[in-house]
Amino acid sequence: MKKMLIAAVLFAAFGFNAMYAYTVVASDDQVEVTVAQDEFKAIETDSLPQTIKDAVAENYKDQTIKAAYVKETEGVKTYKVTLTDAETKTSDVLFNEKGEILPVEEQK
């Protein structure tokens, strides 16, 4: 009987230590995730260059400009225009300063 009591005490002591060790290991394995922020800054749709407004009117006749954003990298401005249609579906299109639509691989 005495051996069973000692065994139970040892089992409980090692069991609690194992749980504590697991908690410590779990906190050491935390991963910090850093998400790059979108570098575009919101602008008024009226301040878009006329070339971009014309490109939207020509290429996206059934859609209107809902929002506009701009970012400047190494002196080159890129505009992101959020378009919406009659069904309230939205899409983002990137333009350069000349009003040219940027290819999909440059939009990433």
Protein backbone atom coordinates (compact mmCIF):
# COMPACT_ATOMS: atom_id res chain seq x y z
CA MET A 1 0.00 0.00 0.00
CA LYS A 2 2.85 2.33 0.86
CA LYS A 3 4.45 1.67 -2.57
CA MET A 4 1.17 2.54 -4.33
CA LEU A 5 0.97 5.84 -2.47
CA ILE A 6 4.57 6.73 -3.37
CA ALA A 7 3.95 5.72 -6.98
CA ALA A 8 0.83 7.95 -7.12
CA VAL A 9 2.72 10.92 -5.66
CA LEU A 10 5.61 10.46 -8.11
CA PHE A 11 3.22 10.08 -11.04
CA ALA A 12 1.38 13.27 -10.06
CA ALA A 13 4.64 15.20 -9.61
CA PHE A 14 6.03 14.11 -12.98
CA GLY A 15 2.67 14.66 -14.66
CA PHE A 16 2.49 18.29 -13.51
CA ASN A 17 6.09 18.89 -14.55
CA ALA A 18 5.39 17.47 -17.98
CA MET A 19 2.44 19.84 -18.40
CA TYR A 20 4.55 22.78 -17.26
CA ALA A 21 7.36 21.84 -19.63
CA TYR A 22 4.88 21.58 -22.49
CA THR A 23 3.60 25.08 -21.78
CA VAL A 24 7.11 26.51 -21.75
CA VAL A 25 8.01 24.78 -25.01
CA ALA A 26 4.82 26.01 -26.63
CA SER A 27 5.60 29.61 -25.70
CA ASP A 28 9.15 29.27 -27.05
CA ASP A 29 7.82 28.09 -30.43
CA GLN A 30 5.66 31.14 -31.09
CA VAL A 31 6.03 32.53 -34.58
CA GLU A 32 5.82 36.22 -35.30
CA VAL A 33 4.13 36.98 -38.61
CA THR A 34 4.79 40.31 -40.26
CA VAL A 35 2.43 41.43 -42.98
CA ALA A 36 3.62 44.02 -45.43
CA GLN A 37 1.31 46.99 -45.48
CA ASP A 38 -0.23 48.15 -48.69
CA GLU A 39 1.83 51.17 -49.70
CA PHE A 40 -1.04 52.84 -51.56
CA LYS A 41 -2.43 56.02 -50.05
CA ALA A 42 -6.06 57.02 -50.59
CA ILE A 43 -6.68 60.07 -52.76
CA GLU A 44 -9.79 61.86 -53.97
CA THR A 45 -11.13 60.44 -57.22
CA ASP A 46 -11.21 63.99 -58.62
CA SER A 47 -7.44 64.23 -58.24
CA LEU A 48 -6.77 61.31 -60.62
CA PRO A 49 -4.91 62.36 -63.77
CA GLN A 50 -7.18 62.90 -66.77
CA THR A 51 -5.34 60.14 -68.66
CA ILE A 52 -6.53 57.59 -66.09
CA LYS A 53 -10.09 58.92 -66.13
CA ASP A 54 -10.09 58.62 -69.92
CA ALA A 55 -8.69 55.08 -69.77
CA VAL A 56 -11.43 54.03 -67.34
CA ALA A 57 -14.12 55.61 -69.55
CA GLU A 58 -12.74 53.83 -72.61
CA ASN A 59 -11.93 50.38 -71.17
CA TYR A 60 -14.52 50.06 -68.39
CA LYS A 61 -17.64 51.69 -69.88
CA ASP A 62 -20.13 50.03 -67.54
CA GLN A 63 -18.17 50.79 -64.38
CA THR A 64 -17.58 53.88 -62.29
CA ILE A 65 -14.69 54.90 -60.09
CA LYS A 66 -15.47 54.13 -56.45
CA ALA A 67 -12.07 54.91 -54.88
CA ALA A 68 -8.55 55.85 -55.90
CA TYR A 69 -5.12 55.26 -54.41
CA VAL A 70 -1.57 56.21 -55.34
CA LYS A 71 1.92 55.05 -54.43
CA GLU A 72 5.24 56.41 -55.54
CA THR A 73 8.26 54.17 -55.95
CA GLU A 74 11.54 55.63 -57.16
CA GLY A 75 9.75 58.65 -58.63
CA VAL A 76 7.21 56.55 -60.55
CA LYS A 77 3.56 56.88 -59.56
CA THR A 78 1.21 53.91 -59.72
CA TYR A 79 -2.51 54.42 -59.33
CA LYS A 80 -4.92 51.81 -58.01
CA VAL A 81 -8.50 52.47 -59.03
CA THR A 82 -11.42 50.61 -57.45
CA LEU A 83 -14.23 50.25 -59.96
CA THR A 84 -17.84 49.28 -59.32
CA ASP A 85 -20.63 48.24 -61.66
CA ALA A 86 -24.42 48.29 -61.48
CA GLU A 87 -24.43 45.01 -59.54
CA THR A 88 -22.09 46.56 -56.92
CA LYS A 89 -19.27 44.21 -57.87
CA THR A 90 -15.91 45.87 -57.34
CA SER A 91 -12.51 45.33 -58.88
CA ASP A 92 -9.11 46.98 -58.57
CA VAL A 93 -7.10 48.01 -61.62
CA LEU A 94 -3.57 49.43 -61.62
CA PHE A 95 -2.54 52.23 -63.96
CA ASN A 96 0.68 54.08 -64.63
CA GLU A 97 0.79 57.87 -64.96
CA LYS A 98 0.13 57.66 -68.71
CA GLY A 99 -3.19 55.87 -68.14
CA GLU A 100 -1.87 52.50 -69.29
CA ILE A 101 -3.24 49.43 -67.55
CA LEU A 102 -0.45 47.53 -65.85
CA PRO A 103 -0.10 43.81 -66.63
CA VAL A 104 -1.19 41.32 -63.98
CA GLU A 105 2.38 40.35 -62.99
CA GLU A 106 3.13 44.00 -62.10
CA GLN A 107 0.00 44.24 -59.97
CA LYS A 108 1.33 41.89 -57.25
